[in-house]
Amino acid sequence: MTQSRAAGGHAMGAGRRECLWQREQLPEPIRELVLDDQRLRNSICWWAFDC
């Protein structure tokens, strides 16, 4: 693997960890509402909510 691809993979992993951490910070009563909304909008938002 080239240096730039390795760095890109590390950044992608960091982004996914950040996304998961942010989801964990959501208060329980609204977590499912937020995640459901993200699932519904994901395909029209270039899969920005995949993590």
PDB file of N, CA and C in Angstrom:
ATOM      1  N   MET A   1       0.855  -1.175   0.000  1.00  0.00           N
ATOM      2  CA  MET A   1       0.000   0.000   0.000  1.00  0.00           C
ATOM      3  C   MET A   1       0.901   1.238   0.000  1.00  0.00           C
ATOM      4  N   THR A   2       0.527   2.195  -0.778  1.00  0.00           N
ATOM      5  CA  THR A   2       1.324   3.420  -0.853  1.00  0.00           C
ATOM      6  C   THR A   2       1.089   4.285   0.371  1.00  0.00           C
ATOM      7  N   GLN A   3       2.005   5.208   0.599  1.00  0.00           N
ATOM      8  CA  GLN A   3       1.900   6.096   1.753  1.00  0.00           C
ATOM      9  C   GLN A   3       0.587   6.877   1.747  1.00  0.00           C
ATOM     10  N   SER A   4       0.216   7.433   0.587  1.00  0.00           N
ATOM     11  CA  SER A   4      -0.999   8.247   0.537  1.00  0.00           C
ATOM     12  C   SER A   4      -2.251   7.402   0.771  1.00  0.00           C
ATOM     13  N   ARG A   5      -2.268   6.185   0.268  1.00  0.00           N
ATOM     14  CA  ARG A   5      -3.432   5.322   0.508  1.00  0.00           C
ATOM     15  C   ARG A   5      -3.511   4.919   1.967  1.00  0.00           C
ATOM     16  N   ALA A   6      -2.349   4.666   2.585  1.00  0.00           N
ATOM     17  CA  ALA A   6      -2.345   4.309   3.999  1.00  0.00           C
ATOM     18  C   ALA A   6      -2.852   5.475   4.835  1.00  0.00           C
ATOM     19  N   ALA A   7      -2.402   6.678   4.526  1.00  0.00           N
ATOM     20  CA  ALA A   7      -2.856   7.861   5.259  1.00  0.00           C
ATOM     21  C   ALA A   7      -4.349   8.071   5.045  1.00  0.00           C
ATOM     22  N   GLY A   8      -4.822   7.863   3.827  1.00  0.00           N
ATOM     23  CA  GLY A   8      -6.251   7.991   3.542  1.00  0.00           C
ATOM     24  C   GLY A   8      -7.073   6.984   4.317  1.00  0.00           C
ATOM     25  N   GLY A   9      -6.565   5.757   4.438  1.00  0.00           N
ATOM     26  CA  GLY A   9      -7.251   4.726   5.201  1.00  0.00           C
ATOM     27  C   GLY A   9      -7.323   5.074   6.674  1.00  0.00           C
ATOM     28  N   HIS A  10      -6.239   5.646   7.197  1.00  0.00           N
ATOM     29  CA  HIS A  10      -6.220   6.069   8.607  1.00  0.00           C
ATOM     30  C   HIS A  10      -7.236   7.187   8.837  1.00  0.00           C
ATOM     31  N   ALA A  11      -7.282   8.142   7.925  1.00  0.00           N
ATOM     32  CA  ALA A  11      -8.229   9.254   8.050  1.00  0.00           C
ATOM     33  C   ALA A  11      -9.661   8.747   7.970  1.00  0.00           C
ATOM     34  N   MET A  12      -9.899   7.785   7.092  1.00  0.00           N
ATOM     35  CA  MET A  12     -11.250   7.241   6.954  1.00  0.00           C
ATOM     36  C   MET A  12     -11.653   6.518   8.239  1.00  0.00           C
ATOM     37  N   GLY A  13     -10.726   5.765   8.819  1.00  0.00           N
ATOM     38  CA  GLY A  13     -11.003   5.078  10.073  1.00  0.00           C
ATOM     39  C   GLY A  13     -11.278   6.061  11.200  1.00  0.00           C
ATOM     40  N   ALA A  14     -10.517   7.148  11.229  1.00  0.00           N
ATOM     41  CA  ALA A  14     -10.723   8.180  12.246  1.00  0.00           C
ATOM     42  C   ALA A  14     -12.092   8.835  12.071  1.00  0.00           C
ATOM     43  N   GLY A  15     -12.483   9.063  10.836  1.00  0.00           N
ATOM     44  CA  GLY A  15     -13.791   9.659  10.563  1.00  0.00           C
ATOM     45  C   GLY A  15     -14.925   8.757  11.013  1.00  0.00           C
ATOM     46  N   ARG A  16     -14.775   7.462  10.793  1.00  0.00           N
ATOM     47  CA  ARG A  16     -15.812   6.520  11.227  1.00  0.00           C
ATOM     48  C   ARG A  16     -15.900   6.447  12.747  1.00  0.00           C
ATOM     49  N   ARG A  17     -14.741   6.451  13.407  1.00  0.00           N
ATOM     50  CA  ARG A  17     -14.748   6.439  14.874  1.00  0.00           C
ATOM     51  C   ARG A  17     -15.414   7.702  15.417  1.00  0.00           C
ATOM     52  N   GLU A  18     -15.130   8.839  14.790  1.00  0.00           N
ATOM     53  CA  GLU A  18     -15.750  10.100  15.215  1.00  0.00           C
ATOM     54  C   GLU A  18     -17.265  10.050  15.026  1.00  0.00           C
ATOM     55  N   CYS A  19     -17.701   9.525  13.891  1.00  0.00           N
ATOM     56  CA  CYS A  19     -19.133   9.407  13.617  1.00  0.00           C
ATOM     57  C   CYS A  19     -19.818   8.534  14.670  1.00  0.00           C
ATOM     58  N   LEU A  20     -19.221   7.399  14.975  1.00  0.00           N
ATOM     59  CA  LEU A  20     -19.799   6.502  15.978  1.00  0.00           C
ATOM     60  C   LEU A  20     -19.806   7.153  17.352  1.00  0.00           C
ATOM     61  N   TRP A  21     -18.729   7.876  17.694  1.00  0.00           N
ATOM     62  CA  TRP A  21     -18.667   8.567  18.982  1.00  0.00           C
ATOM     63  C   TRP A  21     -19.789   9.601  19.077  1.00  0.00           C
ATOM     64  N   GLN A  22     -19.986  10.358  18.002  1.00  0.00           N
ATOM     65  CA  GLN A  22     -21.032  11.377  18.014  1.00  0.00           C
ATOM     66  C   GLN A  22     -22.412  10.753  18.206  1.00  0.00           C
ATOM     67  N   ARG A  23     -22.640   9.633  17.559  1.00  0.00           N
ATOM     68  CA  ARG A  23     -23.935   8.954  17.721  1.00  0.00           C
ATOM     69  C   ARG A  23     -24.137   8.496  19.155  1.00  0.00           C
ATOM     70  N   GLU A  24     -23.063   8.042  19.801  1.00  0.00           N
ATOM     71  CA  GLU A  24     -23.157   7.603  21.189  1.00  0.00           C
ATOM     72  C   GLU A  24     -23.481   8.762  22.133  1.00  0.00           C
ATOM     73  N   GLN A  25     -23.138   9.982  21.733  1.00  0.00           N
ATOM     74  CA  GLN A  25     -23.371  11.146  22.581  1.00  0.00           C
ATOM     75  C   GLN A  25     -24.819  11.631  22.536  1.00  0.00           C
ATOM     76  N   LEU A  26     -25.581  11.173  21.574  1.00  0.00           N
ATOM     77  CA  LEU A  26     -26.980  11.585  21.469  1.00  0.00           C
ATOM     78  C   LEU A  26     -27.770  11.074  22.667  1.00  0.00           C
ATOM     79  N   PRO A  27     -28.601  11.907  23.230  1.00  0.00           N
ATOM     80  CA  PRO A  27     -29.457  11.431  24.322  1.00  0.00           C
ATOM     81  C   PRO A  27     -30.348  10.283  23.827  1.00  0.00           C
ATOM     82  N   GLU A  28     -30.506   9.296  24.666  1.00  0.00           N
ATOM     83  CA  GLU A  28     -31.273   8.099  24.303  1.00  0.00           C
ATOM     84  C   GLU A  28     -32.642   8.401  23.697  1.00  0.00           C
ATOM     85  N   PRO A  29     -33.422   9.334  24.259  1.00  0.00           N
ATOM     86  CA  PRO A  29     -34.764   9.575  23.716  1.00  0.00           C
ATOM     87  C   PRO A  29     -34.775  10.047  22.254  1.00  0.00           C
ATOM     88  N   ILE A  30     -33.689  10.662  21.793  1.00  0.00           N
ATOM     89  CA  ILE A  30     -33.713  11.152  20.404  1.00  0.00           C
ATOM     90  C   ILE A  30     -32.790  10.378  19.470  1.00  0.00           C
ATOM     91  N   ARG A  31     -31.990   9.462  20.015  1.00  0.00           N
ATOM     92  CA  ARG A  31     -31.008   8.739  19.185  1.00  0.00           C
ATOM     93  C   ARG A  31     -31.666   8.042  18.000  1.00  0.00           C
ATOM     94  N   GLU A  32     -32.708   7.264  18.233  1.00  0.00           N
ATOM     95  CA  GLU A  32     -33.358   6.533  17.135  1.00  0.00           C
ATOM     96  C   GLU A  32     -33.992   7.477  16.123  1.00  0.00           C
ATOM     97  N   LEU A  33     -34.530   8.592  16.585  1.00  0.00           N
ATOM     98  CA  LEU A  33     -35.103   9.577  15.655  1.00  0.00           C
ATOM     99  C   LEU A  33     -34.033  10.136  14.720  1.00  0.00           C
ATOM    100  N   VAL A  34     -32.883  10.480  15.282  1.00  0.00           N
ATOM    101  CA  VAL A  34     -31.778  11.024  14.483  1.00  0.00           C
ATOM    102  C   VAL A  34     -31.260   9.970  13.522  1.00  0.00           C
ATOM    103  N   LEU A  35     -31.028   8.760  14.003  1.00  0.00           N
ATOM    104  CA  LEU A  35     -30.496   7.701  13.145  1.00  0.00           C
ATOM    105  C   LEU A  35     -31.478   7.330  12.037  1.00  0.00           C
ATOM    106  N   ASP A  36     -32.758   7.323  12.347  1.00  0.00           N
ATOM    107  CA  ASP A  36     -33.769   7.026  11.327  1.00  0.00           C
ATOM    108  C   ASP A  36     -33.768   8.123  10.255  1.00  0.00           C
ATOM    109  N   ASP A  37     -33.692   9.373  10.681  1.00  0.00           N
ATOM    110  CA  ASP A  37     -33.634  10.479   9.737  1.00  0.00           C
ATOM    111  C   ASP A  37     -32.396  10.366   8.849  1.00  0.00           C
ATOM    112  N   GLN A  38     -31.269  10.011   9.427  1.00  0.00           N
ATOM    113  CA  GLN A  38     -30.045   9.855   8.641  1.00  0.00           C
ATOM    114  C   GLN A  38     -30.186   8.725   7.630  1.00  0.00           C
ATOM    115  N   ARG A  39     -30.802   7.616   8.042  1.00  0.00           N
ATOM    116  CA  ARG A  39     -31.013   6.498   7.108  1.00  0.00           C
ATOM    117  C   ARG A  39     -31.877   6.927   5.922  1.00  0.00           C
ATOM    118  N   LEU A  40     -32.917   7.702   6.207  1.00  0.00           N
ATOM    119  CA  LEU A  40     -33.824   8.151   5.140  1.00  0.00           C
ATOM    120  C   LEU A  40     -33.145   9.115   4.166  1.00  0.00           C
ATOM    121  N   ARG A  41     -32.248   9.967   4.663  1.00  0.00           N
ATOM    122  CA  ARG A  41     -31.612  10.984   3.823  1.00  0.00           C
ATOM    123  C   ARG A  41     -30.263  10.557   3.262  1.00  0.00           C
ATOM    124  N   ASN A  42     -29.738   9.435   3.697  1.00  0.00           N
ATOM    125  CA  ASN A  42     -28.385   9.040   3.357  1.00  0.00           C
ATOM    126  C   ASN A  42     -28.124   8.985   1.847  1.00  0.00           C
ATOM    127  N   SER A  43     -29.009   8.386   1.089  1.00  0.00           N
ATOM    128  CA  SER A  43     -28.765   8.225  -0.351  1.00  0.00           C
ATOM    129  C   SER A  43     -28.791   9.545  -1.119  1.00  0.00           C
ATOM    130  N   ILE A  44     -29.529  10.532  -0.619  1.00  0.00           N
ATOM    131  CA  ILE A  44     -29.554  11.821  -1.314  1.00  0.00           C
ATOM    132  C   ILE A  44     -28.473  12.773  -0.802  1.00  0.00           C
ATOM    133  N   CYS A  45     -27.730  12.331   0.225  1.00  0.00           N
ATOM    134  CA  CYS A  45     -26.648  13.149   0.800  1.00  0.00           C
ATOM    135  C   CYS A  45     -25.295  12.483   0.571  1.00  0.00           C
ATOM    136  N   TRP A  46     -25.166  11.776  -0.517  1.00  0.00           N
ATOM    137  CA  TRP A  46     -23.905  11.120  -0.906  1.00  0.00           C
ATOM    138  C   TRP A  46     -23.378  10.207   0.185  1.00  0.00           C
ATOM    139  N   TRP A  47     -24.258   9.536   0.862  1.00  0.00           N
ATOM    140  CA  TRP A  47     -23.932   8.563   1.905  1.00  0.00           C
ATOM    141  C   TRP A  47     -23.064   9.185   3.003  1.00  0.00           C
ATOM    142  N   ALA A  48     -23.360  10.438   3.326  1.00  0.00           N
ATOM    143  CA  ALA A  48     -22.610  11.170   4.348  1.00  0.00           C
ATOM    144  C   ALA A  48     -22.800  10.578   5.745  1.00  0.00           C
ATOM    145  N   PHE A  49     -23.866   9.802   5.931  1.00  0.00           N
ATOM    146  CA  PHE A  49     -24.166   9.320   7.267  1.00  0.00           C
ATOM    147  C   PHE A  49     -23.695   7.887   7.503  1.00  0.00           C
ATOM    148  N   ASP A  50     -22.997   7.302   6.543  1.00  0.00           N
ATOM    149  CA  ASP A  50     -22.438   5.966   6.732  1.00  0.00           C
ATOM    150  C   ASP A  50     -21.246   6.050   7.671  1.00  0.00           C
ATOM    151  N   CYS A  51     -21.257   5.190   8.654  1.00  0.00           N
ATOM    152  CA  CYS A  51     -20.052   5.112   9.486  1.00  0.00           C
ATOM    153  C   CYS A  51     -19.859   3.738  10.042  1.00  0.00           C
TER     154      CYS A  51
END
